[in-house]
All heavy atoms as atom14 arrays in JSON, in Angstrom:
{
  "sequence": "NAKNTVYLQMNSLRPEDTAVYYCNADLRESVLHGYKAYWGQG",
  "atom14_mask": [
    [1, 1, 1, 1, 1, 1, 1, 1, 0, 0, 0, 0, 0, 0],
    [1, 1, 1, 1, 1, 0, 0, 0, 0, 0, 0, 0, 0, 0],
    [1, 1, 1, 1, 1, 1, 1, 1, 1, 0, 0, 0, 0, 0],
    [1, 1, 1, 1, 1, 1, 1, 1, 0, 0, 0, 0, 0, 0],
    [1, 1, 1, 1, 1, 1, 1, 0, 0, 0, 0, 0, 0, 0],
    [1, 1, 1, 1, 1, 1, 1, 0, 0, 0, 0, 0, 0, 0],
    [1, 1, 1, 1, 1, 1, 1, 1, 1, 1, 1, 1, 0, 0],
    [1, 1, 1, 1, 1, 1, 1, 1, 0, 0, 0, 0, 0, 0],
    [1, 1, 1, 1, 1, 1, 1, 1, 1, 0, 0, 0, 0, 0],
    [1, 1, 1, 1, 1, 1, 1, 1, 0, 0, 0, 0, 0, 0],
    [1, 1, 1, 1, 1, 1, 1, 1, 0, 0, 0, 0, 0, 0],
    [1, 1, 1, 1, 1, 1, 0, 0, 0, 0, 0, 0, 0, 0],
    [1, 1, 1, 1, 1, 1, 1, 1, 0, 0, 0, 0, 0, 0],
    [1, 1, 1, 1, 1, 1, 1, 1, 1, 1, 1, 0, 0, 0],
    [1, 1, 1, 1, 1, 1, 1, 0, 0, 0, 0, 0, 0, 0],
    [1, 1, 1, 1, 1, 1, 1, 1, 1, 0, 0, 0, 0, 0],
    [1, 1, 1, 1, 1, 1, 1, 1, 0, 0, 0, 0, 0, 0],
    [1, 1, 1, 1, 1, 1, 1, 0, 0, 0, 0, 0, 0, 0],
    [1, 1, 1, 1, 1, 0, 0, 0, 0, 0, 0, 0, 0, 0],
    [1, 1, 1, 1, 1, 1, 1, 0, 0, 0, 0, 0, 0, 0],
    [1, 1, 1, 1, 1, 1, 1, 1, 1, 1, 1, 1, 0, 0],
    [1, 1, 1, 1, 1, 1, 1, 1, 1, 1, 1, 1, 0, 0],
    [1, 1, 1, 1, 1, 1, 0, 0, 0, 0, 0, 0, 0, 0],
    [1, 1, 1, 1, 1, 1, 1, 1, 0, 0, 0, 0, 0, 0],
    [1, 1, 1, 1, 1, 0, 0, 0, 0, 0, 0, 0, 0, 0],
    [1, 1, 1, 1, 1, 1, 1, 1, 0, 0, 0, 0, 0, 0],
    [1, 1, 1, 1, 1, 1, 1, 1, 0, 0, 0, 0, 0, 0],
    [1, 1, 1, 1, 1, 1, 1, 1, 1, 1, 1, 0, 0, 0],
    [1, 1, 1, 1, 1, 1, 1, 1, 1, 0, 0, 0, 0, 0],
    [1, 1, 1, 1, 1, 1, 0, 0, 0, 0, 0, 0, 0, 0],
    [1, 1, 1, 1, 1, 1, 1, 0, 0, 0, 0, 0, 0, 0],
    [1, 1, 1, 1, 1, 1, 1, 1, 0, 0, 0, 0, 0, 0],
    [1, 1, 1, 1, 1, 1, 1, 1, 1, 1, 0, 0, 0, 0],
    [1, 1, 1, 1, 0, 0, 0, 0, 0, 0, 0, 0, 0, 0],
    [1, 1, 1, 1, 1, 1, 1, 1, 1, 1, 1, 1, 0, 0],
    [1, 1, 1, 1, 1, 1, 1, 1, 1, 0, 0, 0, 0, 0],
    [1, 1, 1, 1, 1, 0, 0, 0, 0, 0, 0, 0, 0, 0],
    [1, 1, 1, 1, 1, 1, 1, 1, 1, 1, 1, 1, 0, 0],
    [1, 1, 1, 1, 1, 1, 1, 1, 1, 1, 1, 1, 1, 1],
    [1, 1, 1, 1, 0, 0, 0, 0, 0, 0, 0, 0, 0, 0],
    [1, 1, 1, 1, 1, 1, 1, 1, 1, 0, 0, 0, 0, 0],
    [1, 1, 1, 1, 0, 0, 0, 0, 0, 0, 0, 0, 0, 0]
  ],
  "atom14_positions": [
    [[-181.07, -87.3, -90.44], [-181.97, -86.3, -89.88], [-181.47, -85.74, -88.55], [-181.71, -84.57, -88.23], [-183.37, -86.88, -89.71], [-184.07, -87.14, -91.02], [-183.75, -86.51, -92.03], [-185.03, -88.05, -91.03], [0.0, 0.0, 0.0], [0.0, 0.0, 0.0], [0.0, 0.0, 0.0], [0.0, 0.0, 0.0], [0.0, 0.0, 0.0], [0.0, 0.0, 0.0]],
    [[-180.78, -86.56, -87.77], [-180.25, -86.1, -86.49], [-179.18, -85.03, -86.68], [-178.96, -84.21, -85.8], [-179.7, -87.27, -85.69], [0.0, 0.0, 0.0], [0.0, 0.0, 0.0], [0.0, 0.0, 0.0], [0.0, 0.0, 0.0], [0.0, 0.0, 0.0], [0.0, 0.0, 0.0], [0.0, 0.0, 0.0], [0.0, 0.0, 0.0], [0.0, 0.0, 0.0]],
    [[-178.5, -85.07, -87.83], [-177.44, -84.11, -88.12], [-177.87, -83.05, -89.12], [-177.05, -82.19, -89.5], [-176.21, -84.84, -88.65], [-175.57, -85.77, -87.65], [-174.35, -86.46, -88.23], [-173.68, -87.35, -87.21], [-172.48, -88.04, -87.76], [0.0, 0.0, 0.0], [0.0, 0.0, 0.0], [0.0, 0.0, 0.0], [0.0, 0.0, 0.0], [0.0, 0.0, 0.0]],
    [[-179.12, -83.09, -89.58], [-179.62, -82.15, -90.58], [-178.69, -82.09, -91.79], [-178.38, -81.01, -92.31], [-179.78, -80.75, -89.97], [-180.86, -80.69, -88.92], [-181.9, -81.33, -89.04], [-180.63, -79.91, -87.87], [0.0, 0.0, 0.0], [0.0, 0.0, 0.0], [0.0, 0.0, 0.0], [0.0, 0.0, 0.0], [0.0, 0.0, 0.0], [0.0, 0.0, 0.0]],
    [[-178.29, -83.26, -92.25], [-177.3, -83.36, -93.31], [-177.79, -84.27, -94.43], [-178.39, -85.31, -94.17], [-175.97, -83.88, -92.76], [-175.47, -82.97, -91.76], [-174.93, -84.01, -93.85], [0.0, 0.0, 0.0], [0.0, 0.0, 0.0], [0.0, 0.0, 0.0], [0.0, 0.0, 0.0], [0.0, 0.0, 0.0], [0.0, 0.0, 0.0], [0.0, 0.0, 0.0]],
    [[-177.52, -83.87, -95.66], [-177.82, -84.67, -96.83], [-176.51, -84.97, -97.56], [-175.61, -84.12, -97.59], [-178.84, -83.98, -97.76], [-178.29, -82.66, -98.3], [-179.27, -84.9, -98.89], [0.0, 0.0, 0.0], [0.0, 0.0, 0.0], [0.0, 0.0, 0.0], [0.0, 0.0, 0.0], [0.0, 0.0, 0.0], [0.0, 0.0, 0.0], [0.0, 0.0, 0.0]],
    [[-176.42, -86.16, -98.14], [-175.21, -86.61, -98.81], [-175.51, -86.99, -100.25], [-176.64, -87.35, -100.59], [-174.61, -87.83, -98.11], [-174.36, -87.65, -96.63], [-175.32, -88.03, -95.69], [-173.18, -87.09, -96.17], [-175.1, -87.86, -94.33], [-172.95, -86.92, -94.81], [-173.91, -87.3, -93.9], [-173.68, -87.14, -92.55], [0.0, 0.0, 0.0], [0.0, 0.0, 0.0]],
    [[-174.5, -86.94, -101.07], [-174.6, -87.44, -102.43], [-173.33, -88.22, -102.74], [-172.26, -87.64, -102.9], [-174.77, -86.3, -103.44], [-175.03, -86.74, -104.88], [-176.42, -87.39, -105.0], [-174.92, -85.56, -105.83], [0.0, 0.0, 0.0], [0.0, 0.0, 0.0], [0.0, 0.0, 0.0], [0.0, 0.0, 0.0], [0.0, 0.0, 0.0], [0.0, 0.0, 0.0]],
    [[-173.47, -89.54, -102.8], [-172.36, -90.41, -103.19], [-172.37, -90.52, -104.71], [-173.35, -90.98, -105.29], [-172.51, -91.79, -102.55], [-171.43, -92.78, -102.95], [-170.07, -92.39, -102.43], [-169.92, -92.04, -101.27], [-169.06, -92.44, -103.3], [0.0, 0.0, 0.0], [0.0, 0.0, 0.0], [0.0, 0.0, 0.0], [0.0, 0.0, 0.0], [0.0, 0.0, 0.0]],
    [[-171.28, -90.12, -105.34], [-171.19, -90.1, -106.79], [-170.12, -91.09, -107.23], [-168.94, -90.92, -106.92], [-170.86, -88.7, -107.3], [-171.85, -87.63, -106.84], [-171.52, -86.01, -107.58], [-169.94, -85.63, -106.8], [0.0, 0.0, 0.0], [0.0, 0.0, 0.0], [0.0, 0.0, 0.0], [0.0, 0.0, 0.0], [0.0, 0.0, 0.0], [0.0, 0.0, 0.0]],
    [[-170.53, -92.11, -107.95], [-169.62, -93.12, -108.48], [-169.63, -93.1, -110.0], [-170.54, -92.54, -110.62], [-170.02, -94.52, -107.98], [-169.97, -94.66, -106.49], [-169.12, -94.08, -105.82], [-170.88, -95.46, -105.94], [0.0, 0.0, 0.0], [0.0, 0.0, 0.0], [0.0, 0.0, 0.0], [0.0, 0.0, 0.0], [0.0, 0.0, 0.0], [0.0, 0.0, 0.0]],
    [[-168.63, -93.72, -110.59], [-168.53, -93.81, -112.05], [-168.71, -92.44, -112.7], [-169.47, -92.28, -113.66], [-169.57, -94.8, -112.59], [-169.39, -96.08, -112.03], [0.0, 0.0, 0.0], [0.0, 0.0, 0.0], [0.0, 0.0, 0.0], [0.0, 0.0, 0.0], [0.0, 0.0, 0.0], [0.0, 0.0, 0.0], [0.0, 0.0, 0.0], [0.0, 0.0, 0.0]],
    [[-167.99, -91.47, -112.18], [-168.14, -90.1, -112.65], [-167.7, -89.94, -114.11], [-166.75, -90.59, -114.55], [-167.37, -89.14, -111.76], [-168.05, -88.84, -110.42], [-167.06, -88.27, -109.43], [-169.22, -87.88, -110.63], [0.0, 0.0, 0.0], [0.0, 0.0, 0.0], [0.0, 0.0, 0.0], [0.0, 0.0, 0.0], [0.0, 0.0, 0.0], [0.0, 0.0, 0.0]],
    [[-168.4, -89.09, -114.81], [-168.14, -88.8, -116.21], [-167.84, -87.32, -116.39], [-168.27, -86.5, -115.59], [-169.37, -89.17, -117.05], [-169.83, -90.6, -116.91], [-171.22, -90.78, -117.46], [-171.7, -92.14, -117.34], [-172.95, -92.53, -117.54], [-173.87, -91.64, -117.9], [-173.29, -93.8, -117.4], [0.0, 0.0, 0.0], [0.0, 0.0, 0.0], [0.0, 0.0, 0.0]],
    [[-167.13, -86.95, -117.45], [-166.86, -85.52, -117.68], [-168.13, -84.67, -117.71], [-168.1, -83.52, -117.28], [-166.15, -85.52, -119.03], [-165.44, -86.84, -119.06], [-166.39, -87.8, -118.39], [0.0, 0.0, 0.0], [0.0, 0.0, 0.0], [0.0, 0.0, 0.0], [0.0, 0.0, 0.0], [0.0, 0.0, 0.0], [0.0, 0.0, 0.0], [0.0, 0.0, 0.0]],
    [[-169.22, -85.22, -118.21], [-170.47, -84.48, -118.28], [-171.1, -84.23, -116.91], [-172.08, -83.49, -116.8], [-171.48, -85.15, -119.2], [-171.73, -86.62, -118.9], [-170.9, -87.55, -119.78], [-169.7, -87.26, -120.0], [-171.45, -88.56, -120.24], [0.0, 0.0, 0.0], [0.0, 0.0, 0.0], [0.0, 0.0, 0.0], [0.0, 0.0, 0.0], [0.0, 0.0, 0.0]],
    [[-170.55, -84.85, -115.85], [-170.99, -84.56, -114.49], [-170.36, -83.29, -113.94], [-170.73, -82.83, -112.86], [-170.67, -85.72, -113.55], [-171.44, -86.98, -113.89], [-172.65, -86.89, -114.19], [-170.83, -88.08, -113.84], [0.0, 0.0, 0.0], [0.0, 0.0, 0.0], [0.0, 0.0, 0.0], [0.0, 0.0, 0.0], [0.0, 0.0, 0.0], [0.0, 0.0, 0.0]],
    [[-169.4, -82.74, -114.66], [-168.74, -81.51, -114.22], [-169.76, -80.39, -114.07], [-170.49, -80.08, -115.0], [-167.65, -81.1, -115.22], [-166.62, -82.1, -115.24], [-167.04, -79.76, -114.84], [0.0, 0.0, 0.0], [0.0, 0.0, 0.0], [0.0, 0.0, 0.0], [0.0, 0.0, 0.0], [0.0, 0.0, 0.0], [0.0, 0.0, 0.0], [0.0, 0.0, 0.0]],
    [[-169.8, -79.78, -112.89], [-170.77, -78.74, -112.6], [-170.54, -78.22, -111.18], [-169.78, -78.8, -110.41], [-172.2, -79.28, -112.72], [0.0, 0.0, 0.0], [0.0, 0.0, 0.0], [0.0, 0.0, 0.0], [0.0, 0.0, 0.0], [0.0, 0.0, 0.0], [0.0, 0.0, 0.0], [0.0, 0.0, 0.0], [0.0, 0.0, 0.0], [0.0, 0.0, 0.0]],
    [[-171.22, -77.14, -110.86], [-171.34, -76.72, -109.47], [-172.57, -77.4, -108.9], [-173.65, -77.32, -109.49], [-171.46, -75.19, -109.34], [-171.67, -74.79, -107.88], [-170.21, -74.51, -109.89], [0.0, 0.0, 0.0], [0.0, 0.0, 0.0], [0.0, 0.0, 0.0], [0.0, 0.0, 0.0], [0.0, 0.0, 0.0], [0.0, 0.0, 0.0], [0.0, 0.0, 0.0]],
    [[-172.39, -78.08, -107.79], [-173.48, -78.81, -107.16], [-174.01, -78.03, -105.97], [-173.25, -77.58, -105.11], [-173.0, -80.2, -106.71], [-172.85, -81.16, -107.85], [-171.83, -81.01, -108.79], [-173.74, -82.23, -108.01], [-171.7, -81.88, -109.86], [-173.61, -83.1, -109.08], [-172.59, -82.92, -110.0], [-172.47, -83.8, -111.06], [0.0, 0.0, 0.0], [0.0, 0.0, 0.0]],
    [[-175.33, -77.88, -105.93], [-176.01, -77.12, -104.88], [-176.94, -78.03, -104.09], [-177.65, -78.84, -104.68], [-176.85, -75.99, -105.47], [-176.07, -74.97, -106.26], [-175.85, -75.14, -107.63], [-175.57, -73.83, -105.65], [-175.14, -74.2, -108.36], [-174.87, -72.89, -106.37], [-174.66, -73.08, -107.72], [-173.96, -72.14, -108.45], [0.0, 0.0, 0.0], [0.0, 0.0, 0.0]],
    [[-176.96, -77.87, -102.79], [-177.95, -78.59, -102.0], [-179.13, -77.68, -101.7], [-179.02, -76.46, -101.69], [-177.35, -79.15, -100.71], [-176.83, -77.93, -99.49], [0.0, 0.0, 0.0], [0.0, 0.0, 0.0], [0.0, 0.0, 0.0], [0.0, 0.0, 0.0], [0.0, 0.0, 0.0], [0.0, 0.0, 0.0], [0.0, 0.0, 0.0], [0.0, 0.0, 0.0]],
    [[-180.25, -78.31, -101.45], [-181.51, -77.62, -101.21], [-182.23, -78.3, -100.06], [-182.16, -79.51, -99.9], [-182.37, -77.66, -102.48], [-183.81, -77.3, -102.23], [-184.66, -78.17, -101.99], [-184.11, -76.01, -102.28], [0.0, 0.0, 0.0], [0.0, 0.0, 0.0], [0.0, 0.0, 0.0], [0.0, 0.0, 0.0], [0.0, 0.0, 0.0], [0.0, 0.0, 0.0]],
    [[-182.92, -77.5, -99.26], [-183.73, -78.04, -98.17], [-185.03, -77.27, -98.05], [-185.02, -76.03, -98.08], [-182.97, -78.0, -96.85], [0.0, 0.0, 0.0], [0.0, 0.0, 0.0], [0.0, 0.0, 0.0], [0.0, 0.0, 0.0], [0.0, 0.0, 0.0], [0.0, 0.0, 0.0], [0.0, 0.0, 0.0], [0.0, 0.0, 0.0], [0.0, 0.0, 0.0]],
    [[-186.12, -77.99, -97.91], [-187.42, -77.4, -97.6], [-187.51, -77.37, -96.09], [-187.73, -78.39, -95.45], [-188.54, -78.23, -98.22], [-189.89, -77.58, -98.12], [-189.96, -76.34, -98.16], [-190.89, -78.32, -98.0], [0.0, 0.0, 0.0], [0.0, 0.0, 0.0], [0.0, 0.0, 0.0], [0.0, 0.0, 0.0], [0.0, 0.0, 0.0], [0.0, 0.0, 0.0]],
    [[-187.32, -76.19, -95.5], [-186.99, -76.07, -94.09], [-187.9, -75.08, -93.35], [-188.29, -74.05, -93.91], [-185.53, -75.62, -93.98], [-184.83, -75.54, -92.63], [-183.34, -75.8, -92.81], [-185.04, -74.18, -91.99], [0.0, 0.0, 0.0], [0.0, 0.0, 0.0], [0.0, 0.0, 0.0], [0.0, 0.0, 0.0], [0.0, 0.0, 0.0], [0.0, 0.0, 0.0]],
    [[-188.22, -75.43, -92.11], [-189.0, -74.57, -91.24], [-188.13, -74.14, -90.06], [-187.62, -74.98, -89.32], [-190.24, -75.32, -90.73], [-191.23, -74.47, -89.96], [-192.44, -75.3, -89.56], [-193.46, -74.5, -88.91], [-194.62, -74.97, -88.47], [-194.91, -76.26, -88.6], [-195.49, -74.15, -87.89], [0.0, 0.0, 0.0], [0.0, 0.0, 0.0], [0.0, 0.0, 0.0]],
    [[-187.97, -72.84, -89.88], [-187.08, -72.32, -88.85], [-187.66, -72.46, -87.45], [-186.92, -72.72, -86.49], [-186.74, -70.86, -89.11], [-185.88, -70.64, -90.34], [-185.44, -69.2, -90.47], [-184.96, -68.62, -89.46], [-185.58, -68.64, -91.57], [0.0, 0.0, 0.0], [0.0, 0.0, 0.0], [0.0, 0.0, 0.0], [0.0, 0.0, 0.0], [0.0, 0.0, 0.0]],
    [[-188.96, -72.26, -87.3], [-189.61, -72.35, -86.0], [-191.1, -72.5, -86.2], [-191.6, -72.48, -87.32], [-189.3, -71.12, -85.15], [-190.1, -70.02, -85.54], [0.0, 0.0, 0.0], [0.0, 0.0, 0.0], [0.0, 0.0, 0.0], [0.0, 0.0, 0.0], [0.0, 0.0, 0.0], [0.0, 0.0, 0.0], [0.0, 0.0, 0.0], [0.0, 0.0, 0.0]],
    [[-191.83, -72.64, -85.09], [-193.27, -72.74, -85.15], [-193.9, -71.45, -85.69], [-195.04, -71.45, -86.15], [-193.85, -73.09, -83.76], [-193.69, -71.92, -82.8], [-195.3, -73.52, -83.86], [0.0, 0.0, 0.0], [0.0, 0.0, 0.0], [0.0, 0.0, 0.0], [0.0, 0.0, 0.0], [0.0, 0.0, 0.0], [0.0, 0.0, 0.0], [0.0, 0.0, 0.0]],
    [[-193.15, -70.36, -85.66], [-193.63, -69.08, -86.18], [-193.39, -68.93, -87.68], [-193.81, -67.92, -88.26], [-192.94, -67.93, -85.43], [-193.15, -67.89, -83.92], [-192.37, -66.73, -83.31], [-194.63, -67.79, -83.58], [0.0, 0.0, 0.0], [0.0, 0.0, 0.0], [0.0, 0.0, 0.0], [0.0, 0.0, 0.0], [0.0, 0.0, 0.0], [0.0, 0.0, 0.0]],
    [[-192.72, -69.88, -88.28], [-192.41, -69.83, -89.7], [-193.05, -70.99, -90.45], [-193.28, -72.04, -89.88], [-190.89, -69.88, -89.93], [-190.12, -68.77, -89.31], [-189.87, -68.7, -87.95], [-189.54, -67.67, -89.86], [-189.17, -67.61, -87.69], [-188.97, -66.98, -88.83], [0.0, 0.0, 0.0], [0.0, 0.0, 0.0], [0.0, 0.0, 0.0], [0.0, 0.0, 0.0]],
    [[-193.3, -70.76, -91.73], [-193.68, -71.84, -92.6], [-192.47, -72.45, -93.29], [-191.36, -71.94, -93.16], [0.0, 0.0, 0.0], [0.0, 0.0, 0.0], [0.0, 0.0, 0.0], [0.0, 0.0, 0.0], [0.0, 0.0, 0.0], [0.0, 0.0, 0.0], [0.0, 0.0, 0.0], [0.0, 0.0, 0.0], [0.0, 0.0, 0.0], [0.0, 0.0, 0.0]],
    [[-192.69, -73.54, -94.0], [-191.6, -74.15, -94.75], [-191.27, -73.32, -95.98], [-192.15, -72.8, -96.65], [-191.97, -75.56, -95.18], [-191.94, -76.56, -94.07], [-193.09, -76.87, -93.34], [-190.75, -77.22, -93.73], [-193.05, -77.79, -92.3], [-190.71, -78.13, -92.7], [-191.86, -78.42, -91.99], [-191.82, -79.33, -90.96], [0.0, 0.0, 0.0], [0.0, 0.0, 0.0]],
    [[-189.99, -73.2, -96.25], [-189.54, -72.56, -97.48], [-188.21, -73.16, -97.91], [-187.54, -73.84, -97.14], [-189.44, -71.05, -97.32], [-188.28, -70.56, -96.48], [-188.21, -69.03, -96.52], [-186.99, -68.5, -95.83], [-186.9, -67.02, -95.93], [0.0, 0.0, 0.0], [0.0, 0.0, 0.0], [0.0, 0.0, 0.0], [0.0, 0.0, 0.0], [0.0, 0.0, 0.0]],
    [[-187.86, -72.89, -99.15], [-186.64, -73.46, -99.72], [-185.4, -72.67, -99.33], [-185.38, -71.44, -99.39], [-186.75, -73.52, -101.24], [0.0, 0.0, 0.0], [0.0, 0.0, 0.0], [0.0, 0.0, 0.0], [0.0, 0.0, 0.0], [0.0, 0.0, 0.0], [0.0, 0.0, 0.0], [0.0, 0.0, 0.0], [0.0, 0.0, 0.0], [0.0, 0.0, 0.0]],
    [[-184.36, -73.4, -98.94], [-183.05, -72.83, -98.66], [-182.03, -73.48, -99.57], [-182.16, -74.65, -99.93], [-182.65, -73.03, -97.2], [-183.44, -72.21, -96.23], [-184.69, -72.63, -95.79], [-182.95, -71.0, -95.75], [-185.43, -71.87, -94.9], [-183.69, -70.23, -94.85], [-184.92, -70.68, -94.44], [-185.66, -69.91, -93.55], [0.0, 0.0, 0.0], [0.0, 0.0, 0.0]],
    [[-181.0, -72.72, -99.93], [-179.97, -73.19, -100.84], [-178.58, -72.97, -100.27], [-178.31, -71.97, -99.6], [-180.06, -72.46, -102.18], [-181.29, -72.78, -102.95], [-182.5, -72.18, -102.86], [-181.42, -73.79, -103.94], [-183.39, -72.75, -103.73], [-182.75, -73.75, -104.41], [-180.55, -74.74, -104.49], [-183.24, -74.6, -105.4], [-181.02, -75.6, -105.47], [-182.35, -75.52, -105.91]],
    [[-177.68, -73.89, -100.57], [-176.29, -73.69, -100.26], [-175.61, -72.87, -101.34], [-176.22, -72.53, -102.37], [0.0, 0.0, 0.0], [0.0, 0.0, 0.0], [0.0, 0.0, 0.0], [0.0, 0.0, 0.0], [0.0, 0.0, 0.0], [0.0, 0.0, 0.0], [0.0, 0.0, 0.0], [0.0, 0.0, 0.0], [0.0, 0.0, 0.0], [0.0, 0.0, 0.0]],
    [[-174.34, -72.55, -101.13], [-173.59, -71.73, -102.08], [-172.97, -72.54, -103.2], [-172.52, -71.98, -104.19], [-172.5, -70.94, -101.35], [-173.05, -69.85, -100.43], [-173.84, -68.81, -101.21], [-173.33, -68.22, -102.16], [-175.08, -68.59, -100.8], [0.0, 0.0, 0.0], [0.0, 0.0, 0.0], [0.0, 0.0, 0.0], [0.0, 0.0, 0.0], [0.0, 0.0, 0.0]],
    [[-172.94, -73.85, -103.07], [-172.45, -74.71, -104.12], [-171.03, -75.19, -103.89], [-170.23, -74.53, -103.22], [0.0, 0.0, 0.0], [0.0, 0.0, 0.0], [0.0, 0.0, 0.0], [0.0, 0.0, 0.0], [0.0, 0.0, 0.0], [0.0, 0.0, 0.0], [0.0, 0.0, 0.0], [0.0, 0.0, 0.0], [0.0, 0.0, 0.0], [0.0, 0.0, 0.0]]
  ]
}
């Protein structure tokens, strides 16, 4: 939380795990904003 970072450790990977992986955050920019979903580019 101090770094605003999320991780995904993936072990025992399989061919069916092949994909573009996207991160998501339910985020509030300021006290003037409500929470909404943000997405990375993958």
